[in-house]
Amino acid sequence: MDPTVVLVLCLSCLLLFSLWKQSHGRGNLPPGPTPLPVLGNILQLDFKDISKSLAKLSEVYGPVFTVYLGMKPTVVLHGYEAVKEALIDLGEEFSGRNILPVNDKVNKGLGIIFSNGNTWKHTRRFSLVTLRNFGMGKRSIEERVQEEARCLVEELRKTNASPCDPTFILAAAPCNVICSVIFQSRFDYTEEEFLNLMGKFNENFRNNNFLSTLWLSEKHNPQSEFTIDNLVITVIDLFAAGTETTSTTLRYGLLLLLKHPEVRAKVQEEIERVIGRHRSPCMQDRSHMPYTDAVVHEIQRYIDLVPNSAPHTTTCDVKFRNYLIPKGTTVFPSLTSVLFDEKEFPNSKEFDPGHFLDKSGNFRKSDYFVPFSTGKRVCVGEALARMELFLFLTTILQNFTLKPQVDPKHTDTTPLVSGIARVPRFYKLSFIPV
């Protein structure tokens, strides 16, 4: 081999080893498996189900440990106590968001989901105030969700009880709710403009007067975070988070109800007893429907939609337990480890609404219910998502009997994708009017 090539290879290896050692030696990080130079612990992780890999490592290294994704350390928080201590007790210190290169290129550090510092704080506060002004948390937004639930029922009637894949319809409903909040109007499910909106958010938002109006309230302020680019990405974040998460939960929820007809029957009995068939469900009904409320919670717990939340980062050097975690370190809070805690939810791998019911059949709240994450980075649309899930599911079950295409015993509820988010397998069912 050419001596020059050998020299270059040796120098490259030394450089990589030096960088790895420098990264590996920062702070007093929690223990973890020994990383390989450059690769880190990638070979020890199954990225098809990373939460399962992290659970196995926690058995060896405890509730707080470090893995290396390449040359960068990632601190994993496993279990309720560790997650609570970091995201709630030290919420500010763990409130940073890890920005991947692809996110940085697309979102430019703007919006709500992938922003940091003052941009995130101001944008989140502004978004919450604006959404409240548009009806979030008020009776007006509930009326919009109820209207959309009625439209959803009419759309499902058009299937004429034939087998159908509910993916599009269940995505269109929460998307339309966001439209009604932001654009002050909803769209017909077959309307070409709405179909384009669902497929090409970015192109449509840049031409929307809503964004321009908000911007003109702020454009003369050179210190403002509310540039047109930031507002465009913020609305994209609201649509992406408010549509996909709710629609996937609804789709997974119906699949679980097909798998467990006895649960479906008890929910429909409670709907018949409390609401009847001559009025729309409302949020006041929830307090009188403990079993249905428990089912909605159990669906969210069981599907474990985003197992490790969106990755956090530390905003400063943090003393955490007996460790020193440097500023900018990526943090994975394992929501799976909280949602599937065996002490809080016995037989946690089983779908059982009883996890949220006491011995008297009353609804039982749990601090371990964290599908929206927790702390300062908790989902900004949590209240709306909870409302949509309850009203959409109860309205569907009030009006239809769900007919599976396969024997419930053979219904596969394992996720099709189980990496960053768990996505259910595609399936068909029939909506039989009652």
Protein backbone atom coordinates (compact mmCIF):
# COMPACT_ATOMS: atom_id res chain seq x y z
CA MET A 1 0.00 0.00 0.00
CA ASP A 2 1.21 3.52 -0.79
CA PRO A 3 2.90 5.05 2.31
CA THR A 4 0.94 8.26 1.75
CA VAL A 5 -2.35 6.37 1.89
CA VAL A 6 -1.25 4.60 5.06
CA LEU A 7 -0.27 7.92 6.63
CA VAL A 8 -3.61 9.52 5.72
CA LEU A 9 -5.53 6.55 7.14
CA CYS A 10 -3.52 6.63 10.37
CA LEU A 11 -4.00 10.37 10.80
CA SER A 12 -7.72 10.02 10.07
CA CYS A 13 -8.08 7.28 12.67
CA LEU A 14 -6.18 9.35 15.23
CA LEU A 15 -8.38 12.35 14.52
CA LEU A 16 -11.57 10.34 14.84
CA PHE A 17 -10.34 8.69 18.05
CA SER A 18 -9.41 12.11 19.45
CA LEU A 19 -12.85 13.52 18.64
CA TRP A 20 -14.55 10.45 20.11
CA LYS A 21 -12.47 10.65 23.28
CA GLN A 22 -13.17 14.36 23.62
CA SER A 23 -16.90 13.77 23.28
CA HIS A 24 -16.87 10.67 25.46
CA GLY A 25 -14.98 12.46 28.19
CA ARG A 26 -17.22 15.50 28.61
CA GLY A 27 -18.89 15.99 31.97
CA ASN A 28 -19.64 13.20 34.39
CA LEU A 29 -22.23 11.38 32.36
CA PRO A 30 -24.37 8.49 33.64
CA PRO A 31 -23.01 4.98 32.98
CA GLY A 32 -23.83 3.02 29.86
CA PRO A 33 -22.51 0.47 27.40
CA THR A 34 -19.00 1.16 26.13
CA PRO A 35 -19.26 2.93 22.76
CA LEU A 36 -17.20 2.12 19.71
CA PRO A 37 -15.24 4.93 18.05
CA VAL A 38 -17.39 6.76 15.47
CA LEU A 39 -20.26 4.22 15.66
CA GLY A 40 -20.97 4.60 19.35
CA ASN A 41 -23.67 2.14 20.50
CA ILE A 42 -25.59 2.05 17.23
CA LEU A 43 -24.92 -1.65 16.73
CA GLN A 44 -26.49 -2.41 20.12
CA LEU A 45 -29.77 -0.68 19.33
CA ASP A 46 -32.68 -1.95 17.25
CA PHE A 47 -33.99 1.19 15.54
CA LYS A 48 -37.16 -0.64 14.49
CA ASP A 49 -38.10 -0.69 18.18
CA ILE A 50 -35.62 1.51 20.00
CA SER A 51 -37.74 1.68 23.17
CA LYS A 52 -37.37 -2.08 23.60
CA SER A 53 -33.57 -1.80 23.25
CA LEU A 54 -33.47 1.01 25.80
CA ALA A 55 -35.60 -1.01 28.23
CA LYS A 56 -33.07 -3.86 28.09
CA LEU A 57 -30.18 -1.47 28.73
CA SER A 58 -32.00 0.04 31.72
CA GLU A 59 -32.05 -3.40 33.33
CA VAL A 60 -28.25 -3.30 33.33
CA TYR A 61 -27.45 0.38 33.86
CA GLY A 62 -30.43 1.66 35.84
CA PRO A 63 -33.01 4.41 35.25
CA VAL A 64 -30.49 7.01 34.00
CA PHE A 65 -27.86 5.91 31.51
CA THR A 66 -25.94 7.07 28.45
CA VAL A 67 -25.84 5.68 24.94
CA TYR A 68 -23.88 7.05 22.02
CA LEU A 69 -25.66 7.57 18.71
CA GLY A 70 -22.53 7.91 16.66
CA MET A 71 -20.10 10.16 18.52
CA LYS A 72 -22.72 12.11 20.46
CA PRO A 73 -23.90 11.02 23.90
CA THR A 74 -27.60 10.66 24.61
CA VAL A 75 -28.87 10.44 28.18
CA VAL A 76 -31.86 8.12 28.58
CA LEU A 77 -34.42 8.64 31.35
CA HIS A 78 -36.21 5.40 32.15
CA GLY A 79 -39.11 5.19 34.59
CA TYR A 80 -41.52 7.66 36.14
CA GLU A 81 -39.22 9.06 38.81
CA ALA A 82 -36.36 9.87 36.43
CA VAL A 83 -38.68 11.39 33.81
CA LYS A 84 -40.51 13.48 36.42
CA GLU A 85 -37.32 14.67 38.09
CA ALA A 86 -35.91 15.88 34.78
CA LEU A 87 -38.91 17.21 32.86
CA ILE A 88 -40.90 18.63 35.76
CA ASP A 89 -38.59 19.28 38.72
CA LEU A 90 -35.80 20.53 36.42
CA GLY A 91 -38.09 21.54 33.59
CA GLU A 92 -36.18 24.59 32.43
CA GLU A 93 -32.82 22.82 32.37
CA PHE A 94 -34.24 19.96 30.25
CA SER A 95 -36.48 22.09 28.01
CA GLY A 96 -34.17 22.30 24.99
CA ARG A 97 -35.05 20.56 21.75
CA ASN A 98 -32.59 18.41 19.86
CA ILE A 99 -32.36 19.66 16.29
CA LEU A 100 -31.40 17.11 13.65
CA PRO A 101 -29.74 18.47 10.49
CA VAL A 102 -32.80 17.62 8.39
CA ASN A 103 -35.08 19.51 10.82
CA ASP A 104 -32.74 22.48 10.84
CA LYS A 105 -32.81 22.65 7.07
CA VAL A 106 -36.59 22.37 6.83
CA ASN A 107 -37.71 24.31 9.91
CA LYS A 108 -34.72 26.66 10.29
CA GLY A 109 -35.05 26.49 14.07
CA LEU A 110 -38.49 28.12 13.89
CA GLY A 111 -42.01 27.12 14.90
CA ILE A 112 -43.02 25.36 18.13
CA ILE A 113 -41.78 21.78 17.85
CA PHE A 114 -38.15 22.23 16.82
CA SER A 115 -37.29 25.68 18.13
CA ASN A 116 -35.29 26.68 21.20
CA GLY A 117 -34.64 29.60 23.54
CA ASN A 118 -36.58 32.83 23.12
CA THR A 119 -37.92 31.77 19.72
CA TRP A 120 -39.60 28.75 21.30
CA LYS A 121 -40.83 30.59 24.42
CA HIS A 122 -42.31 33.54 22.54
CA THR A 123 -43.80 31.43 19.76
CA ARG A 124 -45.37 28.97 22.19
CA ARG A 125 -46.83 31.77 24.33
CA PHE A 126 -48.12 33.61 21.29
CA SER A 127 -49.63 30.42 19.85
CA LEU A 128 -51.43 29.57 23.09
CA VAL A 129 -52.87 33.10 23.41
CA THR A 130 -53.93 33.17 19.76
CA LEU A 131 -55.51 29.73 19.91
CA ARG A 132 -57.43 30.71 23.05
CA ASN A 133 -58.65 33.84 21.28
CA PHE A 134 -59.86 31.59 18.48
CA GLY A 135 -61.79 29.42 20.91
CA MET A 136 -59.33 26.86 22.27
CA GLY A 137 -60.50 25.71 25.69
CA LYS A 138 -63.86 27.40 25.25
CA ARG A 139 -67.34 26.23 24.32
CA SER A 140 -66.86 27.56 20.80
CA ILE A 141 -64.10 25.06 19.97
CA GLU A 142 -66.18 22.22 21.39
CA GLU A 143 -68.99 23.22 19.05
CA ARG A 144 -66.56 23.08 16.13
CA VAL A 145 -65.42 19.59 17.10
CA GLN A 146 -69.06 18.50 17.47
CA GLU A 147 -69.86 19.91 14.03
CA GLU A 148 -66.90 18.05 12.56
CA ALA A 149 -67.98 14.85 14.33
CA ARG A 150 -71.39 15.14 12.66
CA CYS A 151 -69.70 15.69 9.29
CA LEU A 152 -67.50 12.67 9.96
CA VAL A 153 -70.59 10.55 10.60
CA GLU A 154 -72.17 11.70 7.34
CA GLU A 155 -68.97 10.87 5.47
CA LEU A 156 -68.92 7.40 7.04
CA ARG A 157 -72.56 6.85 6.02
CA LYS A 158 -71.48 7.35 2.41
CA THR A 159 -69.47 4.12 2.64
CA ASN A 160 -72.85 2.32 2.65
CA ALA A 161 -71.62 -0.20 5.22
CA SER A 162 -69.05 -1.48 2.71
CA PRO A 163 -65.56 -2.43 3.89
CA CYS A 164 -63.30 0.62 3.85
CA ASP A 165 -59.89 1.80 4.98
CA PRO A 166 -60.65 4.63 7.48
CA THR A 167 -57.21 6.28 7.21
CA PHE A 168 -58.15 9.28 5.06
CA ILE A 169 -61.49 10.03 6.71
CA LEU A 170 -60.00 9.89 10.21
CA ALA A 171 -57.16 12.19 9.13
CA ALA A 172 -59.50 14.67 7.48
CA ALA A 173 -61.61 15.20 10.61
CA PRO A 174 -58.92 16.58 12.99
CA CYS A 175 -57.33 18.44 10.07
CA ASN A 176 -60.65 20.20 9.49
CA VAL A 177 -60.82 21.17 13.16
CA ILE A 178 -57.45 22.91 12.83
CA CYS A 179 -58.76 24.57 9.65
CA SER A 180 -61.81 25.84 11.51
CA VAL A 181 -59.58 27.31 14.23
CA ILE A 182 -57.01 28.92 11.96
CA PHE A 183 -59.04 29.73 8.82
CA GLN A 184 -62.40 30.11 10.60
CA SER A 185 -64.04 27.66 8.19
CA ARG A 186 -64.05 23.95 7.40
CA PHE A 187 -63.87 22.14 4.07
CA ASP A 188 -65.88 19.38 2.46
CA TYR A 189 -63.87 16.16 2.48
CA THR A 190 -63.98 15.94 -1.32
CA GLU A 191 -63.21 19.59 -1.96
CA GLU A 192 -60.12 19.92 -4.12
CA GLU A 193 -58.77 22.82 -2.06
CA PHE A 194 -58.96 20.75 1.09
CA LEU A 195 -57.28 17.78 -0.58
CA ASN A 196 -54.46 20.05 -1.74
CA LEU A 197 -54.18 21.49 1.76
CA MET A 198 -53.76 18.05 3.24
CA GLY A 199 -51.12 17.14 0.66
CA LYS A 200 -49.21 20.38 0.34
CA PHE A 201 -49.37 22.36 3.57
CA ASN A 202 -46.33 24.49 2.85
CA GLU A 203 -47.41 25.87 -0.52
CA ASN A 204 -50.86 26.81 0.67
CA PHE A 205 -49.80 28.48 3.94
CA ARG A 206 -47.41 30.89 2.23
CA ASN A 207 -50.32 32.42 0.36
CA ASN A 208 -52.73 32.63 3.28
CA ASN A 209 -54.05 35.97 4.50
CA PHE A 210 -54.30 34.70 8.09
CA LEU A 211 -50.52 34.59 8.38
CA SER A 212 -50.07 37.98 6.73
CA THR A 213 -52.55 39.57 9.12
CA LEU A 214 -50.73 38.24 12.18
CA TRP A 215 -47.39 39.29 10.75
CA LEU A 216 -48.61 42.90 10.07
CA SER A 217 -49.30 43.13 13.80
CA GLU A 218 -45.65 42.59 14.43
CA LYS A 219 -43.61 43.37 11.33
CA HIS A 220 -42.37 46.77 12.52
CA ASN A 221 -40.83 45.30 15.67
CA PRO A 222 -37.20 44.40 14.88
CA GLN A 223 -37.00 42.30 18.08
CA SER A 224 -40.07 40.26 17.20
CA GLU A 225 -39.90 36.49 16.79
CA PHE A 226 -43.02 36.66 14.61
CA THR A 227 -41.55 36.79 11.14
CA ILE A 228 -43.60 35.41 8.28
CA ASP A 229 -41.28 32.39 8.10
CA ASN A 230 -41.79 31.65 11.79
CA LEU A 231 -45.56 31.95 11.50
CA VAL A 232 -45.66 29.70 8.43
CA ILE A 233 -43.66 26.98 10.21
CA THR A 234 -45.70 27.41 13.40
CA VAL A 235 -48.93 26.76 11.52
CA ILE A 236 -47.33 23.81 9.73
CA ASP A 237 -46.37 22.46 13.18
CA LEU A 238 -49.96 22.87 14.38
CA PHE A 239 -51.33 21.03 11.36
CA ALA A 240 -48.72 18.28 11.41
CA ALA A 241 -49.02 17.61 15.15
CA GLY A 242 -52.76 18.24 15.37
CA THR A 243 -53.66 16.04 12.42
CA GLU A 244 -51.33 13.06 12.41
CA THR A 245 -51.23 12.28 16.13
CA THR A 246 -54.99 12.48 16.63
CA SER A 247 -55.88 10.63 13.43
CA THR A 248 -53.38 7.85 14.13
CA THR A 249 -54.75 7.48 17.66
CA LEU A 250 -58.30 7.30 16.30
CA ARG A 251 -57.30 4.70 13.70
CA TYR A 252 -55.45 2.64 16.29
CA GLY A 253 -58.37 3.03 18.69
CA LEU A 254 -60.88 1.61 16.22
CA LEU A 255 -58.54 -1.30 15.54
CA LEU A 256 -58.35 -2.07 19.26
CA LEU A 257 -62.14 -1.90 19.53
CA LEU A 258 -62.39 -4.40 16.67
CA LYS A 259 -59.97 -6.64 18.54
CA HIS A 260 -61.96 -6.32 21.79
CA PRO A 261 -65.70 -6.44 20.98
CA GLU A 262 -66.56 -6.80 24.68
CA VAL A 263 -65.01 -3.39 25.34
CA ARG A 264 -66.81 -1.89 22.36
CA ALA A 265 -70.13 -3.25 23.60
CA LYS A 266 -69.67 -1.73 27.08
CA VAL A 267 -68.80 1.66 25.60
CA GLN A 268 -71.90 1.60 23.38
CA GLU A 269 -74.07 0.58 26.33
CA GLU A 270 -72.77 3.57 28.31
CA ILE A 271 -73.34 5.90 25.35
CA GLU A 272 -76.91 4.64 24.99
CA ARG A 273 -77.57 5.06 28.71
CA VAL A 274 -76.00 8.51 29.19
CA ILE A 275 -76.42 10.23 25.81
CA GLY A 276 -78.96 8.27 23.80
CA ARG A 277 -79.26 8.70 20.04
CA HIS A 278 -81.02 12.02 19.68
CA ARG A 279 -78.30 14.50 20.60
CA SER A 280 -74.59 14.91 20.01
CA PRO A 281 -72.09 13.88 22.69
CA CYS A 282 -70.54 16.77 24.59
CA MET A 283 -67.63 17.12 26.98
CA GLN A 284 -69.96 17.35 30.00
CA ASP A 285 -70.94 13.75 29.28
CA ARG A 286 -67.42 12.53 30.00
CA SER A 287 -67.76 12.91 33.77
CA HIS A 288 -70.81 10.59 33.62
CA MET A 289 -69.09 8.05 31.38
CA PRO A 290 -66.18 6.62 33.39
CA TYR A 291 -65.83 3.48 31.29
CA THR A 292 -65.67 5.36 27.97
CA ASP A 293 -63.22 7.83 29.49
CA ALA A 294 -61.09 4.92 30.69
CA VAL A 295 -61.16 3.35 27.22
CA VAL A 296 -59.95 6.54 25.56
CA HIS A 297 -57.11 6.80 28.09
CA GLU A 298 -56.23 3.13 27.71
CA ILE A 299 -56.07 3.47 23.93
CA GLN A 300 -53.53 6.27 24.31
CA ARG A 301 -51.56 4.41 26.94
CA TYR A 302 -51.50 1.12 25.11
CA ILE A 303 -50.56 2.39 21.64
CA ASP A 304 -47.66 4.41 23.12
CA LEU A 305 -47.72 6.68 20.06
CA VAL A 306 -44.37 8.45 20.56
CA PRO A 307 -42.29 6.12 22.76
CA ASN A 308 -39.42 8.49 23.55
CA SER A 309 -41.16 11.81 23.05
CA ALA A 310 -39.41 14.28 20.76
CA PRO A 311 -35.76 14.35 21.91
CA HIS A 312 -34.86 17.01 24.47
CA THR A 313 -31.54 18.71 25.13
CA THR A 314 -30.13 20.32 28.25
CA THR A 315 -30.10 24.13 28.12
CA CYS A 316 -27.12 24.40 30.48
CA ASP A 317 -24.73 22.16 32.42
CA VAL A 318 -27.04 20.21 34.72
CA LYS A 319 -26.28 18.43 37.98
CA PHE A 320 -28.66 15.50 37.85
CA ARG A 321 -28.51 13.00 40.68
CA ASN A 322 -24.79 12.16 40.92
CA TYR A 323 -23.97 13.16 37.37
CA LEU A 324 -23.01 16.27 35.44
CA ILE A 325 -24.76 16.48 32.09
CA PRO A 326 -23.18 19.09 29.79
CA LYS A 327 -25.20 21.77 28.04
CA GLY A 328 -26.58 20.62 24.70
CA THR A 329 -26.65 16.91 25.57
CA THR A 330 -29.47 15.02 23.89
CA VAL A 331 -32.00 13.49 26.30
CA PHE A 332 -34.48 10.69 25.58
CA PRO A 333 -37.33 10.60 28.13
CA SER A 334 -38.76 7.09 27.78
CA LEU A 335 -42.52 7.62 27.84
CA THR A 336 -42.90 3.88 27.27
CA SER A 337 -41.31 3.16 30.63
CA VAL A 338 -43.90 5.38 32.33
CA LEU A 339 -46.96 4.25 30.37
CA PHE A 340 -46.06 0.58 30.89
CA ASP A 341 -45.02 0.78 34.54
CA GLU A 342 -46.11 -2.54 36.06
CA LYS A 343 -46.77 -1.12 39.52
CA GLU A 344 -49.09 1.56 38.19
CA PHE A 345 -50.61 -0.55 35.41
CA PRO A 346 -50.55 -4.26 36.31
CA ASN A 347 -50.31 -6.47 33.22
CA SER A 348 -49.37 -3.32 31.35
CA LYS A 349 -48.85 -5.14 28.04
CA GLU A 350 -52.54 -6.05 27.98
CA PHE A 351 -55.21 -3.69 26.64
CA ASP A 352 -57.41 -3.20 29.70
CA PRO A 353 -59.59 -0.11 30.44
CA GLY A 354 -59.53 -1.26 34.06
CA HIS A 355 -56.13 0.42 34.31
CA PHE A 356 -58.06 3.68 34.65
CA LEU A 357 -60.92 2.50 36.85
CA ASP A 358 -61.06 2.04 40.62
CA LYS A 359 -62.77 -0.87 42.35
CA SER A 360 -66.10 0.98 42.27
CA GLY A 361 -65.91 1.57 38.54
CA ASN A 362 -65.10 5.26 38.85
CA PHE A 363 -62.53 6.85 36.57
CA ARG A 364 -59.05 6.85 38.11
CA LYS A 365 -56.56 9.55 37.15
CA SER A 366 -52.89 8.66 36.94
CA ASP A 367 -49.76 10.80 36.98
CA TYR A 368 -48.23 8.07 34.81
CA PHE A 369 -50.50 8.99 31.91
CA VAL A 370 -48.02 10.92 29.75
CA PRO A 371 -48.82 10.29 26.06
CA PHE A 372 -48.49 14.04 25.44
CA SER A 373 -45.14 14.09 27.29
CA THR A 374 -44.88 16.30 30.39
CA GLY A 375 -43.19 19.41 31.69
CA LYS A 376 -42.48 22.56 29.70
CA ARG A 377 -42.45 20.75 26.36
CA VAL A 378 -45.82 19.08 26.85
CA CYS A 379 -47.91 19.08 23.66
CA VAL A 380 -49.43 22.52 23.09
CA GLY A 381 -52.58 20.93 21.65
CA GLU A 382 -53.21 18.43 24.45
CA ALA A 383 -56.59 19.89 25.46
CA LEU A 384 -57.86 19.90 21.89
CA ALA A 385 -56.60 16.36 21.23
CA ARG A 386 -58.33 15.02 24.35
CA MET A 387 -61.57 16.69 23.28
CA GLU A 388 -61.35 15.35 19.74
CA LEU A 389 -60.61 11.79 20.80
CA PHE A 390 -63.56 11.66 23.19
CA LEU A 391 -66.08 13.36 20.91
CA PHE A 392 -65.06 11.62 17.68
CA LEU A 393 -64.97 8.14 19.21
CA THR A 394 -68.25 8.49 21.09
CA THR A 395 -70.01 10.00 18.06
CA ILE A 396 -68.81 7.17 15.81
CA LEU A 397 -69.91 4.48 18.30
CA GLN A 398 -73.21 6.28 18.89
CA ASN A 399 -74.06 5.99 15.20
CA PHE A 400 -72.36 2.82 13.99
CA THR A 401 -71.61 -0.75 14.82
CA LEU A 402 -68.06 -1.63 13.82
CA LYS A 403 -67.88 -4.78 11.71
CA PRO A 404 -64.38 -6.32 11.33
CA GLN A 405 -63.22 -8.06 8.17
CA VAL A 406 -61.35 -10.76 10.09
CA ASP A 407 -62.01 -12.69 13.27
CA PRO A 408 -61.11 -10.49 16.27
CA LYS A 409 -58.82 -13.28 17.48
CA HIS A 410 -56.74 -12.81 14.34
CA THR A 411 -56.69 -9.01 14.41
CA ASP A 412 -53.09 -7.87 14.59
CA THR A 413 -52.64 -4.80 16.79
CA THR A 414 -48.84 -4.78 16.79
CA PRO A 415 -47.57 -1.59 15.16
CA LEU A 416 -46.53 -1.58 11.52
CA VAL A 417 -43.84 0.96 12.37
CA SER A 418 -42.35 1.24 15.84
CA GLY A 419 -39.41 3.64 15.59
CA ILE A 420 -39.97 7.29 16.42
CA ALA A 421 -43.74 6.78 16.33
CA ARG A 422 -45.93 3.68 16.46
CA VAL A 423 -48.24 3.39 13.45
CA PRO A 424 -51.00 0.75 13.22
CA ARG A 425 -51.23 -1.72 10.39
CA PHE A 426 -53.64 -0.93 7.57
CA TYR A 427 -57.01 -2.58 7.91
CA LYS A 428 -60.58 -2.36 6.67
CA LEU A 429 -63.87 -2.37 8.53
CA SER A 430 -67.52 -1.69 7.87
CA PHE A 431 -69.50 1.06 9.60
CA ILE A 432 -72.99 -0.38 10.06
CA PRO A 433 -75.58 2.33 10.94
CA VAL A 434 -77.45 1.59 14.18
